[in-house]
């Protein structure tokens, strides 16, 4: 009997872990840029910062960005910087940038 209670409890806990992840408060960013460019994302209110360098194919993806308002800056390999873009991240939404 005790084994059944432990097994049932474990099954409930494992099942609820998937629910917690499905309700995560994050979104994603995808875009296309020149190989070697750097994409930096800064949270306006949160202080969150993430930076990636674009690979050879020119495509980039940033996953699990917390909800909020962000400023995205694209720095070219030659040192020039494009005008910043402001975006909003919403739950489960992918923001696509050019």
N, C-alpha and C. Protein backbone atom coordinates (compact mmCIF):
# COMPACT_ATOMS: atom_id res chain seq x y z
N UNK A 1 0.83 -1.20 0.00
CA UNK A 1 0.00 0.00 0.00
C UNK A 1 0.87 1.26 0.00
N UNK A 2 1.91 1.26 0.84
CA UNK A 2 2.78 2.43 0.94
C UNK A 2 3.48 2.70 -0.40
N UNK A 3 3.85 1.62 -1.11
CA UNK A 3 4.50 1.77 -2.40
C UNK A 3 3.57 2.45 -3.40
N UNK A 4 2.31 2.13 -3.39
CA UNK A 4 1.34 2.73 -4.31
C UNK A 4 1.20 4.23 -4.05
N UNK A 5 1.21 4.63 -2.79
CA UNK A 5 1.10 6.04 -2.44
C UNK A 5 2.33 6.79 -2.95
N UNK A 6 3.50 6.21 -2.75
CA UNK A 6 4.74 6.84 -3.21
C UNK A 6 4.75 6.93 -4.74
N UNK A 7 4.35 5.85 -5.40
CA UNK A 7 4.32 5.84 -6.87
C UNK A 7 3.32 6.86 -7.40
N UNK A 8 2.16 6.96 -6.78
CA UNK A 8 1.15 7.93 -7.22
C UNK A 8 1.63 9.36 -7.00
N UNK A 9 2.29 9.61 -5.89
CA UNK A 9 2.82 10.95 -5.60
C UNK A 9 3.90 11.32 -6.62
N UNK A 10 4.79 10.38 -6.91
CA UNK A 10 5.85 10.63 -7.89
C UNK A 10 5.25 10.93 -9.27
N UNK A 11 4.22 10.19 -9.66
CA UNK A 11 3.58 10.41 -10.95
C UNK A 11 2.94 11.79 -11.03
N UNK A 12 2.31 12.22 -9.94
CA UNK A 12 1.70 13.55 -9.92
C UNK A 12 2.76 14.65 -10.02
N UNK A 13 3.85 14.47 -9.30
CA UNK A 13 4.92 15.48 -9.34
C UNK A 13 5.54 15.57 -10.72
N UNK A 14 5.79 14.43 -11.35
CA UNK A 14 6.39 14.45 -12.69
C UNK A 14 5.42 15.05 -13.70
N UNK A 15 4.16 14.77 -13.58
CA UNK A 15 3.15 15.33 -14.48
C UNK A 15 3.01 16.82 -14.34
N UNK A 16 3.12 17.34 -13.14
CA UNK A 16 2.97 18.77 -12.94
C UNK A 16 4.19 19.56 -13.39
N UNK A 17 5.34 18.92 -13.51
CA UNK A 17 6.54 19.62 -13.99
C UNK A 17 6.33 20.10 -15.42
N UNK A 18 5.67 19.30 -16.24
CA UNK A 18 5.38 19.70 -17.62
C UNK A 18 4.44 20.88 -17.68
N UNK A 19 3.47 20.93 -16.78
CA UNK A 19 2.54 22.05 -16.74
C UNK A 19 3.24 23.35 -16.39
N UNK A 20 4.15 23.29 -15.45
CA UNK A 20 4.88 24.49 -15.05
C UNK A 20 5.70 25.04 -16.21
N UNK A 21 6.30 24.15 -16.99
CA UNK A 21 7.09 24.60 -18.12
C UNK A 21 6.21 25.16 -19.23
N UNK A 22 5.04 24.58 -19.42
CA UNK A 22 4.14 25.05 -20.46
C UNK A 22 3.62 26.45 -20.17
N UNK A 23 3.63 26.84 -18.91
CA UNK A 23 3.14 28.15 -18.52
C UNK A 23 4.27 29.14 -18.27
N UNK A 24 5.45 28.87 -18.82
CA UNK A 24 6.58 29.75 -18.58
C UNK A 24 6.32 31.15 -19.14
N UNK A 25 6.90 32.12 -18.54
CA UNK A 25 6.70 33.51 -18.93
C UNK A 25 7.88 33.97 -19.77
N UNK A 26 7.92 33.52 -21.01
CA UNK A 26 9.02 33.88 -21.89
C UNK A 26 8.56 33.86 -23.34
N UNK A 27 9.34 34.52 -24.17
CA UNK A 27 9.12 34.53 -25.61
C UNK A 27 10.46 34.35 -26.31
N UNK A 28 10.47 34.51 -27.61
CA UNK A 28 11.68 34.26 -28.39
C UNK A 28 11.89 35.39 -29.40
N UNK A 29 13.13 35.49 -29.87
CA UNK A 29 13.48 36.46 -30.91
C UNK A 29 14.18 35.70 -32.03
N UNK A 30 13.78 35.95 -33.26
CA UNK A 30 14.44 35.38 -34.43
C UNK A 30 14.74 36.50 -35.41
N UNK A 31 15.79 36.31 -36.18
CA UNK A 31 16.10 37.32 -37.17
C UNK A 31 17.13 36.87 -38.18
N UNK A 32 17.43 37.77 -39.08
CA UNK A 32 18.44 37.54 -40.11
C UNK A 32 19.36 38.75 -40.11
N UNK A 33 20.64 38.50 -40.14
CA UNK A 33 21.65 39.56 -40.17
C UNK A 33 22.87 39.01 -40.90
N UNK A 34 23.84 39.86 -41.10
CA UNK A 34 25.07 39.43 -41.76
C UNK A 34 25.91 38.58 -40.80
N UNK A 35 26.58 37.58 -41.35
CA UNK A 35 27.46 36.75 -40.54
C UNK A 35 28.50 37.63 -39.85
N UNK A 36 28.71 37.40 -38.58
CA UNK A 36 29.67 38.18 -37.82
C UNK A 36 29.06 39.35 -37.07
N UNK A 37 27.83 39.73 -37.42
CA UNK A 37 27.14 40.79 -36.67
C UNK A 37 26.86 40.31 -35.25
N UNK A 38 26.73 41.24 -34.32
CA UNK A 38 26.39 40.93 -32.94
C UNK A 38 25.02 41.52 -32.66
N UNK A 39 24.16 40.72 -32.06
CA UNK A 39 22.83 41.16 -31.67
C UNK A 39 22.79 41.21 -30.15
N UNK A 40 22.44 42.38 -29.62
CA UNK A 40 22.36 42.54 -28.17
C UNK A 40 20.93 42.93 -27.79
N UNK A 41 20.41 42.25 -26.78
CA UNK A 41 19.06 42.50 -26.28
C UNK A 41 19.18 42.94 -24.82
N UNK A 42 18.61 44.12 -24.50
CA UNK A 42 18.66 44.67 -23.14
C UNK A 42 17.24 44.96 -22.66
N UNK A 43 16.92 44.45 -21.48
CA UNK A 43 15.62 44.73 -20.88
C UNK A 43 15.56 46.17 -20.40
N UNK A 44 14.50 46.87 -20.76
CA UNK A 44 14.34 48.28 -20.38
C UNK A 44 14.19 48.41 -18.86
N UNK A 45 13.38 47.55 -18.26
CA UNK A 45 13.12 47.64 -16.83
C UNK A 45 13.83 46.57 -16.01
N UNK A 46 14.17 45.45 -16.64
CA UNK A 46 14.68 44.29 -15.89
C UNK A 46 16.19 44.24 -15.73
N UNK A 47 16.93 44.88 -16.62
CA UNK A 47 18.38 44.76 -16.59
C UNK A 47 18.88 43.50 -17.29
N UNK A 48 17.97 42.70 -17.82
CA UNK A 48 18.32 41.48 -18.54
C UNK A 48 19.14 41.85 -19.78
N UNK A 49 20.24 41.14 -20.02
CA UNK A 49 21.07 41.37 -21.21
C UNK A 49 21.47 40.03 -21.79
N UNK A 50 21.34 39.92 -23.12
CA UNK A 50 21.84 38.74 -23.82
C UNK A 50 22.43 39.22 -25.13
N UNK A 51 23.55 38.59 -25.53
CA UNK A 51 24.24 38.99 -26.75
C UNK A 51 24.68 37.73 -27.48
N UNK A 52 24.48 37.72 -28.81
CA UNK A 52 24.94 36.60 -29.62
C UNK A 52 25.64 37.14 -30.86
N UNK A 53 26.48 36.30 -31.44
CA UNK A 53 27.13 36.61 -32.71
C UNK A 53 26.47 35.77 -33.78
N UNK A 54 26.11 36.38 -34.89
CA UNK A 54 25.40 35.71 -35.98
C UNK A 54 26.35 34.76 -36.71
N UNK A 55 25.87 33.55 -36.94
CA UNK A 55 26.67 32.51 -37.62
C UNK A 55 26.66 32.71 -39.14
N UNK A 56 27.32 31.80 -39.84
CA UNK A 56 27.51 31.90 -41.29
C UNK A 56 26.22 32.00 -42.10
N UNK A 57 25.16 31.32 -41.67
CA UNK A 57 23.93 31.31 -42.45
C UNK A 57 23.12 32.60 -42.30
N UNK A 58 23.51 33.46 -41.35
CA UNK A 58 22.86 34.75 -41.16
C UNK A 58 21.62 34.71 -40.28
N UNK A 59 21.20 33.53 -39.85
CA UNK A 59 20.00 33.42 -39.02
C UNK A 59 20.40 33.34 -37.54
N UNK A 60 19.56 33.93 -36.71
CA UNK A 60 19.80 33.81 -35.27
C UNK A 60 18.49 33.65 -34.52
N UNK A 61 18.57 33.01 -33.37
CA UNK A 61 17.42 32.80 -32.50
C UNK A 61 17.87 32.97 -31.05
N UNK A 62 17.09 33.72 -30.31
CA UNK A 62 17.29 33.83 -28.86
C UNK A 62 16.03 33.28 -28.21
N UNK A 63 16.17 32.23 -27.45
CA UNK A 63 15.02 31.58 -26.81
C UNK A 63 14.92 31.99 -25.34
N UNK A 64 13.72 31.85 -24.83
CA UNK A 64 13.42 32.07 -23.41
C UNK A 64 13.83 33.45 -22.92
N UNK A 65 13.38 34.46 -23.64
CA UNK A 65 13.58 35.84 -23.20
C UNK A 65 12.41 36.18 -22.26
N UNK A 66 12.69 36.62 -21.04
CA UNK A 66 11.60 36.95 -20.11
C UNK A 66 10.68 38.04 -20.68
N UNK A 67 9.44 38.03 -20.24
CA UNK A 67 8.47 39.02 -20.71
C UNK A 67 8.94 40.43 -20.40
N UNK A 68 8.59 41.37 -21.28
CA UNK A 68 8.93 42.76 -21.03
C UNK A 68 9.27 43.52 -22.29
N UNK A 69 9.76 44.73 -22.07
CA UNK A 69 10.17 45.62 -23.16
C UNK A 69 11.69 45.55 -23.28
N UNK A 70 12.17 45.45 -24.51
CA UNK A 70 13.60 45.30 -24.78
C UNK A 70 14.06 46.25 -25.87
N UNK A 71 15.32 46.61 -25.80
CA UNK A 71 15.99 47.36 -26.86
C UNK A 71 16.96 46.39 -27.52
N UNK A 72 16.85 46.29 -28.84
CA UNK A 72 17.72 45.39 -29.61
C UNK A 72 18.68 46.24 -30.43
N UNK A 73 19.97 45.94 -30.28
CA UNK A 73 21.01 46.68 -31.00
C UNK A 73 21.79 45.69 -31.87
N UNK A 74 21.95 46.06 -33.15
CA UNK A 74 22.72 45.24 -34.08
C UNK A 74 24.03 45.94 -34.39
N UNK A 75 25.13 45.27 -34.03
CA UNK A 75 26.47 45.80 -34.29
C UNK A 75 27.09 45.00 -35.43
N UNK A 76 27.51 45.71 -36.47
CA UNK A 76 28.13 45.05 -37.62
C UNK A 76 29.58 44.68 -37.30
N UNK A 77 30.09 43.73 -38.04
CA UNK A 77 31.46 43.27 -37.84
C UNK A 77 32.48 44.39 -38.05
N UNK A 78 32.12 45.40 -38.87
CA UNK A 78 33.05 46.51 -39.12
C UNK A 78 32.99 47.58 -38.02
N UNK A 79 32.16 47.36 -36.99
CA UNK A 79 32.10 48.31 -35.87
C UNK A 79 30.93 49.28 -35.92
N UNK A 80 30.26 49.40 -37.05
CA UNK A 80 29.11 50.31 -37.13
C UNK A 80 27.91 49.70 -36.39
N UNK A 81 27.04 50.58 -35.92
CA UNK A 81 25.88 50.15 -35.14
C UNK A 81 24.61 50.69 -35.79
N UNK A 82 23.61 49.83 -35.92
CA UNK A 82 22.32 50.28 -36.47
C UNK A 82 21.50 50.94 -35.37
N UNK A 83 20.50 51.70 -35.77
CA UNK A 83 19.61 52.34 -34.80
C UNK A 83 18.92 51.26 -33.96
N UNK A 84 18.83 51.46 -32.66
CA UNK A 84 18.19 50.47 -31.79
C UNK A 84 16.70 50.31 -32.13
N UNK A 85 16.20 49.10 -31.93
CA UNK A 85 14.78 48.80 -32.11
C UNK A 85 14.20 48.42 -30.76
N UNK A 86 13.01 48.90 -30.46
CA UNK A 86 12.34 48.53 -29.21
C UNK A 86 11.28 47.49 -29.52
N UNK A 87 11.27 46.40 -28.75
CA UNK A 87 10.30 45.32 -28.97
C UNK A 87 9.65 44.93 -27.65
N UNK A 88 8.53 44.23 -27.76
CA UNK A 88 7.81 43.69 -26.60
C UNK A 88 7.84 42.17 -26.70
N UNK A 89 8.20 41.52 -25.60
CA UNK A 89 8.18 40.06 -25.55
C UNK A 89 6.94 39.63 -24.77
N UNK A 90 6.15 38.74 -25.40
CA UNK A 90 4.94 38.21 -24.78
C UNK A 90 5.07 36.69 -24.67
N UNK A 91 4.33 36.09 -23.78
CA UNK A 91 4.39 34.66 -23.52
C UNK A 91 4.18 33.84 -24.79
N UNK A 92 5.15 32.98 -25.08
CA UNK A 92 5.05 32.04 -26.19
C UNK A 92 5.11 32.64 -27.58
N UNK A 93 5.39 33.92 -27.69
CA UNK A 93 5.42 34.60 -28.99
C UNK A 93 6.87 34.74 -29.47
N UNK A 94 7.07 34.56 -30.78
CA UNK A 94 8.38 34.79 -31.37
C UNK A 94 8.35 36.10 -32.13
N UNK A 95 9.20 37.03 -31.74
CA UNK A 95 9.34 38.32 -32.42
C UNK A 95 10.36 38.11 -33.54
N UNK A 96 10.00 38.50 -34.75
CA UNK A 96 10.89 38.34 -35.90
C UNK A 96 11.45 39.70 -36.30
N UNK A 97 12.78 39.77 -36.39
CA UNK A 97 13.47 41.01 -36.75
C UNK A 97 14.18 40.84 -38.08
N UNK A 98 14.36 41.95 -38.80
CA UNK A 98 15.10 41.93 -40.06
C UNK A 98 16.42 42.61 -39.89
